[in-house]
Amino acid sequence: MKNNKFKFAAIAIILALFSSCLVDDDVTDFGAGTNLVDFPSGSIDGTFDIGMDEAEFQVPARLVGGNGSAAPSDIVVTYEVDPAKTTAVEGTNFVILNNGTFTFPAGETQATFPIKILPSSLDPELPVPLTIALKLTAATGSFPVGVSTKESTGTIIINLKPLCPITDDLSGTHTYTQTSMQYGDGEGTGTGTGIAGTISGTVTWTETEPGKYSLDDASFGLYGAIYDDDPAVGPDGAFLTWVCREFLFSGSDQYSDTFTYNIVSVTGPVMVFTWRNTWGDGGTVTLTREGGVDWPDIFQTN
């Protein structure tokens, strides 16, 4: 155990509500009122392998209200791109199919419709994903679309998240040195106490699925050297997922803390990155790949 170290977690939940008013706001009876055509949420993420020229993404839609009853006949719905909320470029990043229409078959209350994504056009270095905003415009049979309430939305924003093709297995027992370390302050704000010196050792990455690796110590030796503690691995494991030019952490340590890793530079087999956990521990790691093999080209910065 970390000496006299108690950890507390606080979770803040921020809810963002997306709404688009396409009909009168008085159409709000979702239990027994009129059937409405809408999207089940205001935003949705899509991940796309940038090694692919094109892919179809299925967008969900639904009928609500009317005591949950389905329409007795097909409902044809039209939609359009909302340019004010769209940062992706139509024809370059995506293509609208079927002239912007889709159909709820008779007897159904849920449907999906495809749009074409052009993943090879996506840039994994963009700080935020490109977006496509689709707005419902009409439905046959005089069905209203997307009323302005928290339960229903007439616009959906699709976040285009690029994934790089997995070209290599990064498993191995890699060698590290760690400097610029610090004790956490319990807040994870970077105001902890600095630690002089250097620690070194090895860390083993084991591939659990393509692009995802379990770590036998997420702190790269800091817990053992500084706290005389066990390696930083929780009961469900600690993992890195290779996403284009970065590693995303999942799992936790034995105190339920999570970690963030930021790559600084990569030259051949040598990778330098900083890390911090939600307690505020951190350091700078120089990691040399097992056997002196270069890290994949996509990581190289020099």
C-alpha atoms as a PDB file:
ATOM      1  CA  MET A   1       0.000   0.000   0.000  1.00  0.00           C
ATOM      2  CA  LYS A   2       1.134   3.571  -0.522  1.00  0.00           C
ATOM      3  CA  ASN A   3       2.242   4.848   2.871  1.00  0.00           C
ATOM      4  CA  ASN A   4      -0.669   6.601   4.619  1.00  0.00           C
ATOM      5  CA  LYS A   5      -2.222   7.405   1.297  1.00  0.00           C
ATOM      6  CA  PHE A   6      -5.986   7.536   1.034  1.00  0.00           C
ATOM      7  CA  LYS A   7      -7.676   8.340  -2.204  1.00  0.00           C
ATOM      8  CA  PHE A   8     -11.011   9.921  -2.786  1.00  0.00           C
ATOM      9  CA  ALA A   9     -12.855  10.104  -6.074  1.00  0.00           C
ATOM     10  CA  ALA A  10     -15.396  12.708  -7.082  1.00  0.00           C
ATOM     11  CA  ILE A  11     -17.410  12.427 -10.237  1.00  0.00           C
ATOM     12  CA  ALA A  12     -18.941  15.412 -11.932  1.00  0.00           C
ATOM     13  CA  ILE A  13     -21.527  14.730 -14.570  1.00  0.00           C
ATOM     14  CA  ILE A  14     -22.176  17.359 -17.173  1.00  0.00           C
ATOM     15  CA  LEU A  15     -25.159  16.843 -19.380  1.00  0.00           C
ATOM     16  CA  ALA A  16     -25.323  18.595 -22.723  1.00  0.00           C
ATOM     17  CA  LEU A  17     -28.693  18.734 -24.374  1.00  0.00           C
ATOM     18  CA  PHE A  18     -28.997  19.135 -28.097  1.00  0.00           C
ATOM     19  CA  SER A  19     -32.316  20.223 -29.520  1.00  0.00           C
ATOM     20  CA  SER A  20     -33.692  21.500 -32.791  1.00  0.00           C
ATOM     21  CA  CYS A  21     -37.148  22.998 -33.109  1.00  0.00           C
ATOM     22  CA  LEU A  22     -38.764  21.864 -36.324  1.00  0.00           C
ATOM     23  CA  VAL A  23     -42.399  21.844 -35.215  1.00  0.00           C
ATOM     24  CA  ASP A  24     -44.469  23.622 -32.620  1.00  0.00           C
ATOM     25  CA  ASP A  25     -43.248  23.057 -29.068  1.00  0.00           C
ATOM     26  CA  ASP A  26     -46.726  22.046 -27.918  1.00  0.00           C
ATOM     27  CA  VAL A  27     -46.296  18.593 -29.531  1.00  0.00           C
ATOM     28  CA  THR A  28     -44.721  17.066 -26.427  1.00  0.00           C
ATOM     29  CA  ASP A  29     -46.934  14.194 -25.292  1.00  0.00           C
ATOM     30  CA  PHE A  30     -44.605  11.206 -25.644  1.00  0.00           C
ATOM     31  CA  GLY A  31     -46.851   8.772 -23.831  1.00  0.00           C
ATOM     32  CA  ALA A  32     -50.104   8.928 -25.717  1.00  0.00           C
ATOM     33  CA  GLY A  33     -49.694  11.743 -28.222  1.00  0.00           C
ATOM     34  CA  THR A  34     -48.761  11.913 -31.869  1.00  0.00           C
ATOM     35  CA  ASN A  35     -46.024   9.701 -33.284  1.00  0.00           C
ATOM     36  CA  LEU A  36     -42.850  11.731 -33.832  1.00  0.00           C
ATOM     37  CA  VAL A  37     -39.827  10.975 -35.978  1.00  0.00           C
ATOM     38  CA  ASP A  38     -36.548  11.895 -34.303  1.00  0.00           C
ATOM     39  CA  PHE A  39     -33.002  10.861 -33.436  1.00  0.00           C
ATOM     40  CA  PRO A  40     -32.452   9.013 -30.132  1.00  0.00           C
ATOM     41  CA  SER A  41     -29.549  11.295 -29.161  1.00  0.00           C
ATOM     42  CA  GLY A  42     -28.058  14.628 -30.129  1.00  0.00           C
ATOM     43  CA  SER A  43     -24.611  13.233 -30.940  1.00  0.00           C
ATOM     44  CA  ILE A  44     -22.920   9.958 -31.770  1.00  0.00           C
ATOM     45  CA  ASP A  45     -19.291   8.893 -32.302  1.00  0.00           C
ATOM     46  CA  GLY A  46     -18.049   6.974 -35.304  1.00  0.00           C
ATOM     47  CA  THR A  47     -14.541   5.494 -35.539  1.00  0.00           C
ATOM     48  CA  PHE A  48     -13.021   4.875 -38.959  1.00  0.00           C
ATOM     49  CA  ASP A  49      -9.831   3.140 -40.084  1.00  0.00           C
ATOM     50  CA  ILE A  50      -7.956   5.703 -42.187  1.00  0.00           C
ATOM     51  CA  GLY A  51      -6.513   2.850 -44.246  1.00  0.00           C
ATOM     52  CA  MET A  52      -9.965   2.374 -45.829  1.00  0.00           C
ATOM     53  CA  ASP A  53     -11.136   4.381 -48.838  1.00  0.00           C
ATOM     54  CA  GLU A  54     -14.794   4.281 -47.814  1.00  0.00           C
ATOM     55  CA  ALA A  55     -17.123   2.905 -45.145  1.00  0.00           C
ATOM     56  CA  GLU A  56     -20.847   3.058 -44.436  1.00  0.00           C
ATOM     57  CA  PHE A  57     -21.969   4.471 -41.096  1.00  0.00           C
ATOM     58  CA  GLN A  58     -25.428   3.561 -39.855  1.00  0.00           C
ATOM     59  CA  VAL A  59     -27.315   6.494 -38.303  1.00  0.00           C
ATOM     60  CA  PRO A  60     -30.092   5.562 -35.831  1.00  0.00           C
ATOM     61  CA  ALA A  61     -33.589   7.072 -35.927  1.00  0.00           C
ATOM     62  CA  ARG A  62     -36.849   6.251 -34.134  1.00  0.00           C
ATOM     63  CA  LEU A  63     -40.566   6.824 -33.764  1.00  0.00           C
ATOM     64  CA  VAL A  64     -41.728   7.963 -30.329  1.00  0.00           C
ATOM     65  CA  GLY A  65     -45.116   8.737 -28.819  1.00  0.00           C
ATOM     66  CA  GLY A  66     -48.451   7.255 -29.733  1.00  0.00           C
ATOM     67  CA  ASN A  67     -48.235   4.787 -26.831  1.00  0.00           C
ATOM     68  CA  GLY A  68     -45.251   3.238 -28.567  1.00  0.00           C
ATOM     69  CA  SER A  69     -47.306   2.139 -31.557  1.00  0.00           C
ATOM     70  CA  ALA A  70     -45.697   1.682 -34.936  1.00  0.00           C
ATOM     71  CA  ALA A  71     -46.974   3.204 -38.151  1.00  0.00           C
ATOM     72  CA  PRO A  72     -49.407   1.043 -40.142  1.00  0.00           C
ATOM     73  CA  SER A  73     -47.546   1.810 -43.388  1.00  0.00           C
ATOM     74  CA  ASP A  74     -44.055   2.818 -44.507  1.00  0.00           C
ATOM     75  CA  ILE A  75     -42.876   6.278 -43.475  1.00  0.00           C
ATOM     76  CA  VAL A  76     -40.409   8.003 -45.797  1.00  0.00           C
ATOM     77  CA  VAL A  77     -38.241  10.552 -44.009  1.00  0.00           C
ATOM     78  CA  THR A  78     -36.045  13.245 -45.525  1.00  0.00           C
ATOM     79  CA  TYR A  79     -33.041  14.918 -43.946  1.00  0.00           C
ATOM     80  CA  GLU A  80     -30.308  17.358 -44.895  1.00  0.00           C
ATOM     81  CA  VAL A  81     -26.873  18.462 -43.779  1.00  0.00           C
ATOM     82  CA  ASP A  82     -26.892  21.353 -41.317  1.00  0.00           C
ATOM     83  CA  PRO A  83     -23.910  23.435 -42.515  1.00  0.00           C
ATOM     84  CA  ALA A  84     -23.806  25.582 -39.380  1.00  0.00           C
ATOM     85  CA  LYS A  85     -22.911  22.536 -37.245  1.00  0.00           C
ATOM     86  CA  THR A  86     -20.879  20.582 -39.825  1.00  0.00           C
ATOM     87  CA  THR A  87     -17.091  20.878 -40.074  1.00  0.00           C
ATOM     88  CA  ALA A  88     -16.520  17.885 -42.391  1.00  0.00           C
ATOM     89  CA  VAL A  89     -16.640  18.550 -46.137  1.00  0.00           C
ATOM     90  CA  GLU A  90     -19.331  16.828 -48.170  1.00  0.00           C
ATOM     91  CA  GLY A  91     -17.784  14.987 -51.114  1.00  0.00           C
ATOM     92  CA  THR A  92     -14.358  14.978 -49.452  1.00  0.00           C
ATOM     93  CA  ASN A  93     -15.037  13.433 -46.027  1.00  0.00           C
ATOM     94  CA  PHE A  94     -18.534  12.023 -46.520  1.00  0.00           C
ATOM     95  CA  VAL A  95     -21.310  11.419 -49.062  1.00  0.00           C
ATOM     96  CA  ILE A  96     -25.070  11.520 -48.458  1.00  0.00           C
ATOM     97  CA  LEU A  97     -26.815   8.448 -49.878  1.00  0.00           C
ATOM     98  CA  ASN A  98     -30.311   7.840 -51.274  1.00  0.00           C
ATOM     99  CA  ASN A  99     -30.852  11.556 -51.909  1.00  0.00           C
ATOM    100  CA  GLY A 100     -31.156  12.203 -48.188  1.00  0.00           C
ATOM    101  CA  THR A 101     -34.087   9.865 -47.546  1.00  0.00           C
ATOM    102  CA  PHE A 102     -34.710   6.743 -45.486  1.00  0.00           C
ATOM    103  CA  THR A 103     -37.740   4.625 -44.592  1.00  0.00           C
ATOM    104  CA  PHE A 104     -39.384   3.269 -41.462  1.00  0.00           C
ATOM    105  CA  PRO A 105     -40.954  -0.023 -42.618  1.00  0.00           C
ATOM    106  CA  ALA A 106     -44.554  -0.559 -41.561  1.00  0.00           C
ATOM    107  CA  GLY A 107     -44.753  -2.023 -38.084  1.00  0.00           C
ATOM    108  CA  GLU A 108     -41.325  -0.726 -36.972  1.00  0.00           C
ATOM    109  CA  THR A 109     -40.456   1.997 -34.461  1.00  0.00           C
ATOM    110  CA  GLN A 110     -36.697   2.059 -35.081  1.00  0.00           C
ATOM    111  CA  ALA A 111     -34.628   2.378 -38.224  1.00  0.00           C
ATOM    112  CA  THR A 112     -31.091   3.075 -39.358  1.00  0.00           C
ATOM    113  CA  PHE A 113     -29.880   4.672 -42.554  1.00  0.00           C
ATOM    114  CA  PRO A 114     -26.404   4.765 -44.092  1.00  0.00           C
ATOM    115  CA  ILE A 115     -24.136   7.621 -45.020  1.00  0.00           C
ATOM    116  CA  LYS A 116     -20.809   7.051 -46.730  1.00  0.00           C
ATOM    117  CA  ILE A 117     -17.638   8.077 -44.888  1.00  0.00           C
ATOM    118  CA  LEU A 118     -14.305   8.499 -46.708  1.00  0.00           C
ATOM    119  CA  PRO A 119     -11.889   7.537 -43.890  1.00  0.00           C
ATOM    120  CA  SER A 120      -8.682   8.027 -45.905  1.00  0.00           C
ATOM    121  CA  SER A 121      -9.490  11.765 -45.952  1.00  0.00           C
ATOM    122  CA  LEU A 122      -9.534  12.038 -42.141  1.00  0.00           C
ATOM    123  CA  ASP A 123      -6.514  13.601 -40.425  1.00  0.00           C
ATOM    124  CA  PRO A 124      -5.616  11.898 -37.109  1.00  0.00           C
ATOM    125  CA  GLU A 125      -3.621  14.964 -36.055  1.00  0.00           C
ATOM    126  CA  LEU A 126      -6.649  17.254 -35.852  1.00  0.00           C
ATOM    127  CA  PRO A 127      -7.159  18.365 -32.232  1.00  0.00           C
ATOM    128  CA  VAL A 128     -10.925  17.719 -32.389  1.00  0.00           C
ATOM    129  CA  PRO A 129     -12.898  15.378 -34.658  1.00  0.00           C
ATOM    130  CA  LEU A 130     -14.670  16.629 -37.753  1.00  0.00           C
ATOM    131  CA  THR A 131     -18.452  16.661 -37.442  1.00  0.00           C
ATOM    132  CA  ILE A 132     -21.435  15.939 -39.662  1.00  0.00           C
ATOM    133  CA  ALA A 133     -24.764  17.410 -38.519  1.00  0.00           C
ATOM    134  CA  LEU A 134     -27.876  15.844 -40.037  1.00  0.00           C
ATOM    135  CA  LYS A 135     -31.245  17.571 -39.638  1.00  0.00           C
ATOM    136  CA  LEU A 136     -34.621  15.901 -40.164  1.00  0.00           C
ATOM    137  CA  THR A 137     -36.831  17.925 -42.492  1.00  0.00           C
ATOM    138  CA  ALA A 138     -40.044  15.989 -43.197  1.00  0.00           C
ATOM    139  CA  ALA A 139     -41.823  12.645 -43.003  1.00  0.00           C
ATOM    140  CA  THR A 140     -44.741  11.259 -45.045  1.00  0.00           C
ATOM    141  CA  GLY A 141     -48.120  10.975 -43.386  1.00  0.00           C
ATOM    142  CA  SER A 142     -47.759  14.392 -41.726  1.00  0.00           C
ATOM    143  CA  PHE A 143     -45.508  13.026 -38.981  1.00  0.00           C
ATOM    144  CA  PRO A 144     -43.794  15.800 -37.017  1.00  0.00           C
ATOM    145  CA  VAL A 145     -40.018  15.570 -36.789  1.00  0.00           C
ATOM    146  CA  GLY A 146     -37.722  16.410 -33.898  1.00  0.00           C
ATOM    147  CA  VAL A 147     -39.675  18.533 -31.441  1.00  0.00           C
ATOM    148  CA  SER A 148     -37.788  20.851 -29.153  1.00  0.00           C
ATOM    149  CA  THR A 149     -37.689  18.931 -25.890  1.00  0.00           C
ATOM    150  CA  LYS A 150     -35.011  17.126 -23.929  1.00  0.00           C
ATOM    151  CA  GLU A 151     -36.533  13.777 -24.904  1.00  0.00           C
ATOM    152  CA  SER A 152     -36.301  14.351 -28.639  1.00  0.00           C
ATOM    153  CA  THR A 153     -33.973  15.927 -31.157  1.00  0.00           C
ATOM    154  CA  GLY A 154     -34.318  16.684 -34.845  1.00  0.00           C
ATOM    155  CA  THR A 155     -30.556  17.017 -35.389  1.00  0.00           C
ATOM    156  CA  ILE A 156     -27.786  14.520 -34.766  1.00  0.00           C
ATOM    157  CA  ILE A 157     -24.067  15.359 -34.790  1.00  0.00           C
ATOM    158  CA  ILE A 158     -21.727  12.581 -35.907  1.00  0.00           C
ATOM    159  CA  ASN A 159     -18.158  12.894 -34.601  1.00  0.00           C
ATOM    160  CA  LEU A 160     -15.692  11.392 -37.100  1.00  0.00           C
ATOM    161  CA  LYS A 161     -12.889   9.771 -35.101  1.00  0.00           C
ATOM    162  CA  PRO A 162     -10.007   8.402 -37.188  1.00  0.00           C
ATOM    163  CA  LEU A 163      -8.271   5.131 -36.320  1.00  0.00           C
ATOM    164  CA  CYS A 164      -4.972   4.136 -37.849  1.00  0.00           C
ATOM    165  CA  PRO A 165      -4.456   0.649 -39.272  1.00  0.00           C
ATOM    166  CA  ILE A 166      -2.628  -1.654 -36.871  1.00  0.00           C
ATOM    167  CA  THR A 167       0.639  -2.432 -38.651  1.00  0.00           C
ATOM    168  CA  ASP A 168       2.760  -3.904 -35.877  1.00  0.00           C
ATOM    169  CA  ASP A 169       2.647  -5.786 -32.578  1.00  0.00           C
ATOM    170  CA  LEU A 170       4.176  -3.597 -29.868  1.00  0.00           C
ATOM    171  CA  SER A 171       4.333  -6.412 -27.318  1.00  0.00           C
ATOM    172  CA  GLY A 172       7.620  -6.934 -25.539  1.00  0.00           C
ATOM    173  CA  THR A 173       9.689  -6.256 -22.451  1.00  0.00           C
ATOM    174  CA  HIS A 174      10.838  -2.708 -22.990  1.00  0.00           C
ATOM    175  CA  THR A 175      13.547  -0.834 -21.061  1.00  0.00           C
ATOM    176  CA  TYR A 176      12.883   2.513 -19.406  1.00  0.00           C
ATOM    177  CA  THR A 177      14.436   5.327 -17.432  1.00  0.00           C
ATOM    178  CA  GLN A 178      12.241   7.837 -15.616  1.00  0.00           C
ATOM    179  CA  THR A 179      13.043  11.392 -14.529  1.00  0.00           C
ATOM    180  CA  SER A 180      11.171  14.587 -13.523  1.00  0.00           C
ATOM    181  CA  MET A 181       9.001  12.557 -11.169  1.00  0.00           C
ATOM    182  CA  GLN A 182       6.566  13.897  -8.622  1.00  0.00           C
ATOM    183  CA  TYR A 183       4.413  12.773  -5.724  1.00  0.00           C
ATOM    184  CA  GLY A 184       0.776  13.510  -6.271  1.00  0.00           C
ATOM    185  CA  ASP A 185      -1.191  16.018  -4.218  1.00  0.00           C
ATOM    186  CA  GLY A 186      -4.463  14.102  -4.384  1.00  0.00           C
ATOM    187  CA  GLU A 187      -5.941  16.564  -6.863  1.00  0.00           C
ATOM    188  CA  GLY A 188      -4.156  15.502 -10.024  1.00  0.00           C
ATOM    189  CA  THR A 189      -3.419  19.133 -10.818  1.00  0.00           C
ATOM    190  CA  GLY A 190       0.344  18.898 -11.236  1.00  0.00           C
ATOM    191  CA  THR A 191       1.144  20.743  -8.000  1.00  0.00           C
ATOM    192  CA  GLY A 192       2.657  17.717  -6.280  1.00  0.00           C
ATOM    193  CA  THR A 193       6.148  17.479  -4.795  1.00  0.00           C
ATOM    194  CA  GLY A 194       9.028  16.994  -7.222  1.00  0.00           C
ATOM    195  CA  ILE A 195      11.330  14.002  -6.863  1.00  0.00           C
ATOM    196  CA  ALA A 196      15.006  14.227  -7.823  1.00  0.00           C
ATOM    197  CA  GLY A 197      16.917  11.402  -9.448  1.00  0.00           C
ATOM    198  CA  THR A 198      16.377   8.690 -12.024  1.00  0.00           C
ATOM    199  CA  ILE A 199      14.840   5.243 -11.838  1.00  0.00           C
ATOM    200  CA  SER A 200      15.163   2.502 -14.420  1.00  0.00           C
ATOM    201  CA  GLY A 201      13.857  -0.956 -15.166  1.00  0.00           C
ATOM    202  CA  THR A 202      11.725  -2.908 -17.618  1.00  0.00           C
ATOM    203  CA  VAL A 203       8.005  -2.992 -18.362  1.00  0.00           C
ATOM    204  CA  THR A 204       6.150  -5.712 -20.247  1.00  0.00           C
ATOM    205  CA  TRP A 205       3.429  -4.970 -22.775  1.00  0.00           C
ATOM    206  CA  THR A 206       1.224  -7.920 -23.754  1.00  0.00           C
ATOM    207  CA  GLU A 207      -1.206  -7.660 -26.680  1.00  0.00           C
ATOM    208  CA  THR A 208      -4.751  -8.522 -25.534  1.00  0.00           C
ATOM    209  CA  GLU A 209      -6.372  -7.648 -28.874  1.00  0.00           C
ATOM    210  CA  PRO A 210      -5.056  -5.879 -31.975  1.00  0.00           C
ATOM    211  CA  GLY A 211      -3.691  -2.510 -30.869  1.00  0.00           C
ATOM    212  CA  LYS A 212      -4.449  -2.989 -27.152  1.00  0.00           C
ATOM    213  CA  TYR A 213      -1.784  -3.912 -24.581  1.00  0.00           C
ATOM    214  CA  SER A 214      -1.836  -4.801 -20.917  1.00  0.00           C
ATOM    215  CA  LEU A 215       0.879  -3.213 -18.758  1.00  0.00           C
ATOM    216  CA  ASP A 216       2.527  -4.856 -15.787  1.00  0.00           C
ATOM    217  CA  ASP A 217       3.200  -1.408 -14.276  1.00  0.00           C
ATOM    218  CA  ALA A 218       1.403   1.740 -15.437  1.00  0.00           C
ATOM    219  CA  SER A 219       3.750   3.920 -13.329  1.00  0.00           C
ATOM    220  CA  PHE A 220       6.936   2.609 -14.965  1.00  0.00           C
ATOM    221  CA  GLY A 221       8.582   1.844 -11.626  1.00  0.00           C
ATOM    222  CA  LEU A 222       7.513   4.939  -9.694  1.00  0.00           C
ATOM    223  CA  TYR A 223       5.213   3.180  -7.201  1.00  0.00           C
ATOM    224  CA  GLY A 224       7.909   0.695  -6.216  1.00  0.00           C
ATOM    225  CA  ALA A 225      10.777   3.172  -6.058  1.00  0.00           C
ATOM    226  CA  ILE A 226       8.957   6.042  -4.322  1.00  0.00           C
ATOM    227  CA  TYR A 227       6.156   4.449  -2.299  1.00  0.00           C
ATOM    228  CA  ASP A 228       7.634   0.963  -1.826  1.00  0.00           C
ATOM    229  CA  ASP A 229       4.335  -0.186  -3.278  1.00  0.00           C
ATOM    230  CA  ASP A 230       3.158  -2.819  -5.736  1.00  0.00           C
ATOM    231  CA  PRO A 231       3.218  -2.016  -9.462  1.00  0.00           C
ATOM    232  CA  ALA A 232       0.419   0.264 -10.658  1.00  0.00           C
ATOM    233  CA  VAL A 233      -2.131  -2.279 -11.874  1.00  0.00           C
ATOM    234  CA  GLY A 234      -5.744  -2.563 -10.733  1.00  0.00           C
ATOM    235  CA  PRO A 235      -7.671  -5.807 -10.272  1.00  0.00           C
ATOM    236  CA  ASP A 236      -9.112  -5.523 -13.781  1.00  0.00           C
ATOM    237  CA  GLY A 237      -5.778  -4.584 -15.339  1.00  0.00           C
ATOM    238  CA  ALA A 238      -4.119  -1.524 -16.825  1.00  0.00           C
ATOM    239  CA  PHE A 239      -4.070  -1.089 -20.608  1.00  0.00           C
ATOM    240  CA  LEU A 240      -2.797   1.094 -23.431  1.00  0.00           C
ATOM    241  CA  THR A 241      -4.642   1.265 -26.747  1.00  0.00           C
ATOM    242  CA  TRP A 242      -2.708   2.373 -29.813  1.00  0.00           C
ATOM    243  CA  VAL A 243      -4.767   5.061 -31.574  1.00  0.00           C
ATOM    244  CA  CYS A 244      -2.861   6.530 -34.506  1.00  0.00           C
ATOM    245  CA  ARG A 245      -0.122   8.668 -32.943  1.00  0.00           C
ATOM    246  CA  GLU A 246      -1.042   8.254 -29.298  1.00  0.00           C
ATOM    247  CA  PHE A 247      -1.788   5.778 -26.532  1.00  0.00           C
ATOM    248  CA  LEU A 248      -5.078   5.882 -24.645  1.00  0.00           C
ATOM    249  CA  PHE A 249      -5.228   4.395 -21.143  1.00  0.00           C
ATOM    250  CA  SER A 250      -8.000   2.173 -19.839  1.00  0.00           C
ATOM    251  CA  GLY A 251      -8.401   0.252 -16.609  1.00  0.00           C
ATOM    252  CA  SER A 252      -6.891   1.671 -13.423  1.00  0.00           C
ATOM    253  CA  ASP A 253      -4.324   1.160 -10.698  1.00  0.00           C
ATOM    254  CA  GLN A 254      -5.050  -0.497  -7.355  1.00  0.00           C
ATOM    255  CA  TYR A 255      -6.432   2.807  -6.035  1.00  0.00           C
ATOM    256  CA  SER A 256      -8.863   3.261  -8.951  1.00  0.00           C
ATOM    257  CA  ASP A 257      -6.716   6.048 -10.387  1.00  0.00           C
ATOM    258  CA  THR A 258      -6.472   6.375 -14.156  1.00  0.00           C
ATOM    259  CA  PHE A 259      -3.528   7.565 -16.234  1.00  0.00           C
ATOM    260  CA  THR A 260      -2.808   9.921 -19.129  1.00  0.00           C
ATOM    261  CA  TYR A 261       0.207   9.510 -21.434  1.00  0.00           C
ATOM    262  CA  ASN A 262       1.489  12.172 -23.847  1.00  0.00           C
ATOM    263  CA  ILE A 263       4.184  11.310 -26.366  1.00  0.00           C
ATOM    264  CA  VAL A 264       6.891  13.995 -26.597  1.00  0.00           C
ATOM    265  CA  SER A 265       9.230  12.518 -29.212  1.00  0.00           C
ATOM    266  CA  VAL A 266      10.112   9.270 -30.952  1.00  0.00           C
ATOM    267  CA  THR A 267      13.452   8.571 -32.622  1.00  0.00           C
ATOM    268  CA  GLY A 268      13.997   5.055 -33.895  1.00  0.00           C
ATOM    269  CA  PRO A 269      13.507   2.662 -30.958  1.00  0.00           C
ATOM    270  CA  VAL A 270      13.428   5.432 -28.318  1.00  0.00           C
ATOM    271  CA  MET A 271      10.138   6.983 -27.219  1.00  0.00           C
ATOM    272  CA  VAL A 272       9.893   9.838 -24.701  1.00  0.00           C
ATOM    273  CA  PHE A 273       6.560  10.543 -23.026  1.00  0.00           C
ATOM    274  CA  THR A 274       5.131  12.177 -19.935  1.00  0.00           C
ATOM    275  CA  TRP A 275       2.464  10.652 -17.737  1.00  0.00           C
ATOM    276  CA  ARG A 276       0.223  11.630 -14.859  1.00  0.00           C
ATOM    277  CA  ASN A 277      -2.466   9.846 -12.897  1.00  0.00           C
ATOM    278  CA  THR A 278      -5.578  11.258 -11.289  1.00  0.00           C
ATOM    279  CA  TRP A 279      -3.845  11.365  -7.901  1.00  0.00           C
ATOM    280  CA  GLY A 280      -1.166  13.624  -9.391  1.00  0.00           C
ATOM    281  CA  ASP A 281       1.808  11.256  -9.542  1.00  0.00           C
ATOM    282  CA  GLY A 282       3.796  11.609 -12.734  1.00  0.00           C
ATOM    283  CA  GLY A 283       7.090  11.629 -14.540  1.00  0.00           C
ATOM    284  CA  THR A 284       8.930  11.625 -17.856  1.00  0.00           C
ATOM    285  CA  VAL A 285       9.753   8.200 -19.284  1.00  0.00           C
ATOM    286  CA  THR A 286      12.327   7.312 -21.927  1.00  0.00           C
ATOM    287  CA  LEU A 287      11.243   3.930 -23.281  1.00  0.00           C
ATOM    288  CA  THR A 288      13.472   1.810 -25.520  1.00  0.00           C
ATOM    289  CA  ARG A 289      11.703  -0.903 -27.482  1.00  0.00           C
ATOM    290  CA  GLU A 290      12.795  -4.479 -26.898  1.00  0.00           C
ATOM    291  CA  GLY A 291      15.639  -5.545 -29.192  1.00  0.00           C
ATOM    292  CA  GLY A 292      16.297  -1.973 -30.307  1.00  0.00           C
ATOM    293  CA  VAL A 293      13.551  -2.267 -32.946  1.00  0.00           C
ATOM    294  CA  ASP A 294      12.199   1.054 -34.223  1.00  0.00           C
ATOM    295  CA  TRP A 295       8.723   2.078 -33.150  1.00  0.00           C
ATOM    296  CA  PRO A 296       6.287   2.210 -36.114  1.00  0.00           C
ATOM    297  CA  ASP A 297       6.770   5.029 -38.615  1.00  0.00           C
ATOM    298  CA  ILE A 298       3.545   6.762 -37.577  1.00  0.00           C
ATOM    299  CA  PHE A 299       5.099   7.570 -34.165  1.00  0.00           C
ATOM    300  CA  GLN A 300       8.405   8.877 -35.472  1.00  0.00           C
ATOM    301  CA  THR A 301       9.012  12.575 -34.875  1.00  0.00           C
ATOM    302  CA  ASN A 302      12.717  12.782 -35.790  1.00  0.00           C
END
